[in-house]
Amino acid sequence: MKLDKKYSGLLTAIIMTIALDSAMTFTMISINTGWTAGFFQRFVNGWIIGFAVAFPTSLLAFQLARRIVNRIVSE
């Protein structure tokens, strides 16, 4: 199954948000609390909050970055 090309920006934002949020949440929880009891629960809670903040931000940043890049590069 393939999605229509009009969803490529949204899908890119979702995939990037999942990847970056996972890496950042894992890193910060590992640094702040270490591998202690309840690590997985803290990771999931942190990931959900991070995704809720990062996804709308990535949608805005993706559009802004696209405009900036289009002004910088030649056609």
PDB file of N, CA and C in Angstrom:
ATOM      1  N   MET A   1       0.835  -1.173   0.000  1.00  0.00           N
ATOM      2  CA  MET A   1       0.000   0.000   0.000  1.00  0.00           C
ATOM      3  C   MET A   1       0.885   1.244   0.000  1.00  0.00           C
ATOM      4  N   LYS A   2       0.612   2.152  -0.905  1.00  0.00           N
ATOM      5  CA  LYS A   2       1.349   3.402  -0.970  1.00  0.00           C
ATOM      6  C   LYS A   2       0.397   4.559  -0.717  1.00  0.00           C
ATOM      7  N   LEU A   3       0.921   5.555  -0.033  1.00  0.00           N
ATOM      8  CA  LEU A   3       0.142   6.758   0.230  1.00  0.00           C
ATOM      9  C   LEU A   3       0.327   7.753  -0.904  1.00  0.00           C
ATOM     10  N   ASP A   4      -0.618   8.642  -1.028  1.00  0.00           N
ATOM     11  CA  ASP A   4      -0.531   9.705  -2.014  1.00  0.00           C
ATOM     12  C   ASP A   4       0.637  10.631  -1.669  1.00  0.00           C
ATOM     13  N   LYS A   5       1.260  11.205  -2.690  1.00  0.00           N
ATOM     14  CA  LYS A   5       2.424  12.059  -2.489  1.00  0.00           C
ATOM     15  C   LYS A   5       2.110  13.288  -1.637  1.00  0.00           C
ATOM     16  N   LYS A   6       0.861  13.697  -1.597  1.00  0.00           N
ATOM     17  CA  LYS A   6       0.511  14.881  -0.815  1.00  0.00           C
ATOM     18  C   LYS A   6       0.738  14.679   0.685  1.00  0.00           C
ATOM     19  N   TYR A   7       0.862  13.434   1.120  1.00  0.00           N
ATOM     20  CA  TYR A   7       1.109  13.139   2.530  1.00  0.00           C
ATOM     21  C   TYR A   7       2.595  13.013   2.867  1.00  0.00           C
ATOM     22  N   SER A   8       3.478  13.243   1.915  1.00  0.00           N
ATOM     23  CA  SER A   8       4.904  13.021   2.149  1.00  0.00           C
ATOM     24  C   SER A   8       5.460  13.937   3.236  1.00  0.00           C
ATOM     25  N   GLY A   9       5.050  15.193   3.267  1.00  0.00           N
ATOM     26  CA  GLY A   9       5.530  16.105   4.303  1.00  0.00           C
ATOM     27  C   GLY A   9       5.086  15.683   5.688  1.00  0.00           C
ATOM     28  N   LEU A  10       3.838  15.297   5.814  1.00  0.00           N
ATOM     29  CA  LEU A  10       3.307  14.849   7.097  1.00  0.00           C
ATOM     30  C   LEU A  10       3.988  13.562   7.550  1.00  0.00           C
ATOM     31  N   LEU A  11       4.155  12.627   6.632  1.00  0.00           N
ATOM     32  CA  LEU A  11       4.803  11.360   6.969  1.00  0.00           C
ATOM     33  C   LEU A  11       6.266  11.570   7.359  1.00  0.00           C
ATOM     34  N   THR A  12       6.949  12.461   6.656  1.00  0.00           N
ATOM     35  CA  THR A  12       8.331  12.788   7.008  1.00  0.00           C
ATOM     36  C   THR A  12       8.395  13.365   8.414  1.00  0.00           C
ATOM     37  N   ALA A  13       7.494  14.274   8.735  1.00  0.00           N
ATOM     38  CA  ALA A  13       7.473  14.880  10.068  1.00  0.00           C
ATOM     39  C   ALA A  13       7.198  13.841  11.150  1.00  0.00           C
ATOM     40  N   ILE A  14       6.293  12.917  10.892  1.00  0.00           N
ATOM     41  CA  ILE A  14       5.980  11.872  11.872  1.00  0.00           C
ATOM     42  C   ILE A  14       7.191  10.976  12.112  1.00  0.00           C
ATOM     43  N   ILE A  15       7.830  10.527  11.038  1.00  0.00           N
ATOM     44  CA  ILE A  15       8.981   9.630  11.170  1.00  0.00           C
ATOM     45  C   ILE A  15      10.139  10.331  11.869  1.00  0.00           C
ATOM     46  N   MET A  16      10.419  11.567  11.489  1.00  0.00           N
ATOM     47  CA  MET A  16      11.510  12.309  12.131  1.00  0.00           C
ATOM     48  C   MET A  16      11.207  12.575  13.602  1.00  0.00           C
ATOM     49  N   THR A  17       9.963  12.883  13.917  1.00  0.00           N
ATOM     50  CA  THR A  17       9.590  13.129  15.306  1.00  0.00           C
ATOM     51  C   THR A  17       9.750  11.872  16.146  1.00  0.00           C
ATOM     52  N   ILE A  18       9.315  10.745  15.630  1.00  0.00           N
ATOM     53  CA  ILE A  18       9.459   9.482  16.363  1.00  0.00           C
ATOM     54  C   ILE A  18      10.930   9.175  16.612  1.00  0.00           C
ATOM     55  N   ALA A  19      11.757   9.304  15.575  1.00  0.00           N
ATOM     56  CA  ALA A  19      13.180   8.980  15.706  1.00  0.00           C
ATOM     57  C   ALA A  19      13.882   9.921  16.682  1.00  0.00           C
ATOM     58  N   LEU A  20      13.706  11.213  16.500  1.00  0.00           N
ATOM     59  CA  LEU A  20      14.399  12.173  17.351  1.00  0.00           C
ATOM     60  C   LEU A  20      13.869  12.166  18.779  1.00  0.00           C
ATOM     61  N   ASP A  21      12.561  12.054  18.938  1.00  0.00           N
ATOM     62  CA  ASP A  21      11.981  12.018  20.279  1.00  0.00           C
ATOM     63  C   ASP A  21      12.447  10.781  21.037  1.00  0.00           C
ATOM     64  N   SER A  22      12.523   9.655  20.361  1.00  0.00           N
ATOM     65  CA  SER A  22      13.001   8.425  21.007  1.00  0.00           C
ATOM     66  C   SER A  22      14.444   8.577  21.465  1.00  0.00           C
ATOM     67  N   ALA A  23      15.298   9.100  20.593  1.00  0.00           N
ATOM     68  CA  ALA A  23      16.713   9.267  20.940  1.00  0.00           C
ATOM     69  C   ALA A  23      16.891  10.257  22.086  1.00  0.00           C
ATOM     70  N   MET A  24      16.205  11.381  22.018  1.00  0.00           N
ATOM     71  CA  MET A  24      16.354  12.399  23.058  1.00  0.00           C
ATOM     72  C   MET A  24      15.779  11.933  24.396  1.00  0.00           C
ATOM     73  N   THR A  25      14.623  11.302  24.368  1.00  0.00           N
ATOM     74  CA  THR A  25      14.015  10.822  25.607  1.00  0.00           C
ATOM     75  C   THR A  25      14.891   9.762  26.259  1.00  0.00           C
ATOM     76  N   PHE A  26      15.372   8.812  25.466  1.00  0.00           N
ATOM     77  CA  PHE A  26      16.240   7.761  25.998  1.00  0.00           C
ATOM     78  C   PHE A  26      17.499   8.362  26.614  1.00  0.00           C
ATOM     79  N   THR A  27      18.118   9.293  25.896  1.00  0.00           N
ATOM     80  CA  THR A  27      19.354   9.901  26.382  1.00  0.00           C
ATOM     81  C   THR A  27      19.128  10.678  27.669  1.00  0.00           C
ATOM     82  N   MET A  28      18.120  11.515  27.702  1.00  0.00           N
ATOM     83  CA  MET A  28      17.894  12.350  28.880  1.00  0.00           C
ATOM     84  C   MET A  28      17.479  11.537  30.103  1.00  0.00           C
ATOM     85  N   ILE A  29      16.660  10.522  29.911  1.00  0.00           N
ATOM     86  CA  ILE A  29      16.269   9.697  31.053  1.00  0.00           C
ATOM     87  C   ILE A  29      17.461   8.874  31.540  1.00  0.00           C
ATOM     88  N   SER A  30      18.279   8.391  30.620  1.00  0.00           N
ATOM     89  CA  SER A  30      19.477   7.644  31.016  1.00  0.00           C
ATOM     90  C   SER A  30      20.426   8.524  31.820  1.00  0.00           C
ATOM     91  N   ILE A  31      20.612   9.761  31.383  1.00  0.00           N
ATOM     92  CA  ILE A  31      21.505  10.682  32.085  1.00  0.00           C
ATOM     93  C   ILE A  31      20.925  11.080  33.440  1.00  0.00           C
ATOM     94  N   ASN A  32      19.652  11.419  33.464  1.00  0.00           N
ATOM     95  CA  ASN A  32      19.051  11.958  34.690  1.00  0.00           C
ATOM     96  C   ASN A  32      18.751  10.912  35.753  1.00  0.00           C
ATOM     97  N   THR A  33      18.332   9.715  35.357  1.00  0.00           N
ATOM     98  CA  THR A  33      17.940   8.725  36.369  1.00  0.00           C
ATOM     99  C   THR A  33      18.727   7.433  36.285  1.00  0.00           C
ATOM    100  N   GLY A  34      19.381   7.179  35.163  1.00  0.00           N
ATOM    101  CA  GLY A  34      20.135   5.940  35.007  1.00  0.00           C
ATOM    102  C   GLY A  34      19.216   4.746  34.805  1.00  0.00           C
ATOM    103  N   TRP A  35      19.827   3.582  34.765  1.00  0.00           N
ATOM    104  CA  TRP A  35      19.094   2.329  34.533  1.00  0.00           C
ATOM    105  C   TRP A  35      18.577   1.793  35.856  1.00  0.00           C
ATOM    106  N   THR A  36      17.567   2.456  36.390  1.00  0.00           N
ATOM    107  CA  THR A  36      16.984   2.042  37.661  1.00  0.00           C
ATOM    108  C   THR A  36      15.609   1.440  37.419  1.00  0.00           C
ATOM    109  N   ALA A  37      15.010   0.954  38.496  1.00  0.00           N
ATOM    110  CA  ALA A  37      13.657   0.398  38.383  1.00  0.00           C
ATOM    111  C   ALA A  37      12.716   1.475  37.866  1.00  0.00           C
ATOM    112  N   GLY A  38      11.846   1.089  36.976  1.00  0.00           N
ATOM    113  CA  GLY A  38      10.887   2.029  36.417  1.00  0.00           C
ATOM    114  C   GLY A  38      11.403   2.800  35.223  1.00  0.00           C
ATOM    115  N   PHE A  39      12.583   2.411  34.707  1.00  0.00           N
ATOM    116  CA  PHE A  39      13.162   3.125  33.562  1.00  0.00           C
ATOM    117  C   PHE A  39      12.216   3.114  32.375  1.00  0.00           C
ATOM    118  N   PHE A  40      11.675   1.950  32.043  1.00  0.00           N
ATOM    119  CA  PHE A  40      10.816   1.843  30.866  1.00  0.00           C
ATOM    120  C   PHE A  40       9.569   2.709  31.013  1.00  0.00           C
ATOM    121  N   GLN A  41       8.970   2.731  32.191  1.00  0.00           N
ATOM    122  CA  GLN A  41       7.781   3.555  32.419  1.00  0.00           C
ATOM    123  C   GLN A  41       8.111   5.032  32.275  1.00  0.00           C
ATOM    124  N   ARG A  42       9.244   5.460  32.825  1.00  0.00           N
ATOM    125  CA  ARG A  42       9.658   6.859  32.677  1.00  0.00           C
ATOM    126  C   ARG A  42       9.930   7.186  31.216  1.00  0.00           C
ATOM    127  N   PHE A  43      10.526   6.229  30.492  1.00  0.00           N
ATOM    128  CA  PHE A  43      10.797   6.440  29.068  1.00  0.00           C
ATOM    129  C   PHE A  43       9.493   6.633  28.299  1.00  0.00           C
ATOM    130  N   VAL A  44       8.523   5.766  28.526  1.00  0.00           N
ATOM    131  CA  VAL A  44       7.245   5.861  27.811  1.00  0.00           C
ATOM    132  C   VAL A  44       6.544   7.180  28.146  1.00  0.00           C
ATOM    133  N   ASN A  45       6.498   7.535  29.424  1.00  0.00           N
ATOM    134  CA  ASN A  45       5.858   8.794  29.821  1.00  0.00           C
ATOM    135  C   ASN A  45       6.565   9.994  29.195  1.00  0.00           C
ATOM    136  N   GLY A  46       7.884   9.986  29.258  1.00  0.00           N
ATOM    137  CA  GLY A  46       8.655  11.073  28.662  1.00  0.00           C
ATOM    138  C   GLY A  46       8.489  11.137  27.160  1.00  0.00           C
ATOM    139  N   TRP A  47       8.429   9.961  26.525  1.00  0.00           N
ATOM    140  CA  TRP A  47       8.277   9.918  25.071  1.00  0.00           C
ATOM    141  C   TRP A  47       6.927  10.490  24.645  1.00  0.00           C
ATOM    142  N   ILE A  48       5.875  10.154  25.365  1.00  0.00           N
ATOM    143  CA  ILE A  48       4.536  10.660  25.027  1.00  0.00           C
ATOM    144  C   ILE A  48       4.490  12.183  25.147  1.00  0.00           C
ATOM    145  N   ILE A  49       5.029  12.702  26.230  1.00  0.00           N
ATOM    146  CA  ILE A  49       5.055  14.156  26.407  1.00  0.00           C
ATOM    147  C   ILE A  49       5.930  14.802  25.335  1.00  0.00           C
ATOM    148  N   GLY A  50       7.084  14.206  25.087  1.00  0.00           N
ATOM    149  CA  GLY A  50       7.983  14.734  24.063  1.00  0.00           C
ATOM    150  C   GLY A  50       7.352  14.738  22.687  1.00  0.00           C
ATOM    151  N   PHE A  51       6.646  13.667  22.348  1.00  0.00           N
ATOM    152  CA  PHE A  51       5.998  13.595  21.037  1.00  0.00           C
ATOM    153  C   PHE A  51       4.910  14.648  20.916  1.00  0.00           C
ATOM    154  N   ALA A  52       4.157  14.846  21.997  1.00  0.00           N
ATOM    155  CA  ALA A  52       3.080  15.842  21.975  1.00  0.00           C
ATOM    156  C   ALA A  52       3.622  17.251  21.739  1.00  0.00           C
ATOM    157  N   VAL A  53       4.828  17.513  22.192  1.00  0.00           N
ATOM    158  CA  VAL A  53       5.450  18.820  21.968  1.00  0.00           C
ATOM    159  C   VAL A  53       6.186  18.850  20.630  1.00  0.00           C
ATOM    160  N   ALA A  54       6.911  17.787  20.324  1.00  0.00           N
ATOM    161  CA  ALA A  54       7.786  17.778  19.149  1.00  0.00           C
ATOM    162  C   ALA A  54       7.039  17.691  17.826  1.00  0.00           C
ATOM    163  N   PHE A  55       5.923  16.984  17.774  1.00  0.00           N
ATOM    164  CA  PHE A  55       5.244  16.810  16.488  1.00  0.00           C
ATOM    165  C   PHE A  55       4.700  18.123  15.932  1.00  0.00           C
ATOM    166  N   PRO A  56       3.935  18.891  16.706  1.00  0.00           N
ATOM    167  CA  PRO A  56       3.489  20.180  16.150  1.00  0.00           C
ATOM    168  C   PRO A  56       4.662  21.104  15.825  1.00  0.00           C
ATOM    169  N   THR A  57       5.699  21.052  16.665  1.00  0.00           N
ATOM    170  CA  THR A  57       6.882  21.864  16.400  1.00  0.00           C
ATOM    171  C   THR A  57       7.543  21.455  15.097  1.00  0.00           C
ATOM    172  N   SER A  58       7.628  20.146  14.851  1.00  0.00           N
ATOM    173  CA  SER A  58       8.265  19.680  13.618  1.00  0.00           C
ATOM    174  C   SER A  58       7.462  20.069  12.384  1.00  0.00           C
ATOM    175  N   LEU A  59       6.144  20.105  12.498  1.00  0.00           N
ATOM    176  CA  LEU A  59       5.329  20.539  11.362  1.00  0.00           C
ATOM    177  C   LEU A  59       5.627  21.993  11.005  1.00  0.00           C
ATOM    178  N   LEU A  60       5.724  22.834  12.017  1.00  0.00           N
ATOM    179  CA  LEU A  60       6.045  24.242  11.775  1.00  0.00           C
ATOM    180  C   LEU A  60       7.480  24.406  11.291  1.00  0.00           C
ATOM    181  N   ALA A  61       8.406  23.715  11.940  1.00  0.00           N
ATOM    182  CA  ALA A  61       9.816  23.837  11.573  1.00  0.00           C
ATOM    183  C   ALA A  61      10.080  23.294  10.179  1.00  0.00           C
ATOM    184  N   PHE A  62       9.388  22.233   9.794  1.00  0.00           N
ATOM    185  CA  PHE A  62       9.572  21.638   8.471  1.00  0.00           C
ATOM    186  C   PHE A  62       9.201  22.643   7.385  1.00  0.00           C
ATOM    187  N   GLN A  63       8.081  23.320   7.558  1.00  0.00           N
ATOM    188  CA  GLN A  63       7.647  24.318   6.580  1.00  0.00           C
ATOM    189  C   GLN A  63       8.610  25.501   6.533  1.00  0.00           C
ATOM    190  N   LEU A  64       9.034  25.966   7.689  1.00  0.00           N
ATOM    191  CA  LEU A  64       9.974  27.079   7.752  1.00  0.00           C
ATOM    192  C   LEU A  64      11.306  26.701   7.121  1.00  0.00           C
ATOM    193  N   ALA A  65      11.798  25.513   7.445  1.00  0.00           N
ATOM    194  CA  ALA A  65      13.070  25.059   6.875  1.00  0.00           C
ATOM    195  C   ALA A  65      12.976  24.934   5.359  1.00  0.00           C
ATOM    196  N   ARG A  66      11.864  24.440   4.866  1.00  0.00           N
ATOM    197  CA  ARG A  66      11.681  24.299   3.415  1.00  0.00           C
ATOM    198  C   ARG A  66      11.746  25.664   2.733  1.00  0.00           C
ATOM    199  N   ARG A  67      11.101  26.667   3.312  1.00  0.00           N
ATOM    200  CA  ARG A  67      11.130  28.015   2.732  1.00  0.00           C
ATOM    201  C   ARG A  67      12.535  28.600   2.746  1.00  0.00           C
ATOM    202  N   ILE A  68      13.243  28.419   3.850  1.00  0.00           N
ATOM    203  CA  ILE A  68      14.607  28.941   3.951  1.00  0.00           C
ATOM    204  C   ILE A  68      15.511  28.267   2.932  1.00  0.00           C
ATOM    205  N   VAL A  69      15.431  26.956   2.836  1.00  0.00           N
ATOM    206  CA  VAL A  69      16.266  26.217   1.884  1.00  0.00           C
ATOM    207  C   VAL A  69      15.941  26.623   0.454  1.00  0.00           C
ATOM    208  N   ASN A  70      14.676  26.799   0.137  1.00  0.00           N
ATOM    209  CA  ASN A  70      14.291  27.205  -1.216  1.00  0.00           C
ATOM    210  C   ASN A  70      14.849  28.573  -1.582  1.00  0.00           C
ATOM    211  N   ARG A  71      15.034  29.441  -0.607  1.00  0.00           N
ATOM    212  CA  ARG A  71      15.632  30.755  -0.868  1.00  0.00           C
ATOM    213  C   ARG A  71      17.146  30.666  -1.020  1.00  0.00           C
ATOM    214  N   ILE A  72      17.755  29.694  -0.380  1.00  0.00           N
ATOM    215  CA  ILE A  72      19.212  29.579  -0.400  1.00  0.00           C
ATOM    216  C   ILE A  72      19.713  28.877  -1.652  1.00  0.00           C
ATOM    217  N   VAL A  73      19.059  27.806  -2.049  1.00  0.00           N
ATOM    218  CA  VAL A  73      19.550  27.008  -3.178  1.00  0.00           C
ATOM    219  C   VAL A  73      18.987  27.533  -4.492  1.00  0.00           C
ATOM    220  N   SER A  74      19.778  27.336  -5.544  1.00  0.00           N
ATOM    221  CA  SER A  74      19.318  27.752  -6.869  1.00  0.00           C
ATOM    222  C   SER A  74      18.535  26.624  -7.514  1.00  0.00           C
ATOM    223  N   GLU A  75      17.702  26.997  -8.447  1.00  0.00           N
ATOM    224  CA  GLU A  75      16.867  25.987  -9.114  1.00  0.00           C
ATOM    225  C   GLU A  75      17.551  25.404 -10.310  1.00  0.00           C
TER     226      GLU A  75
END
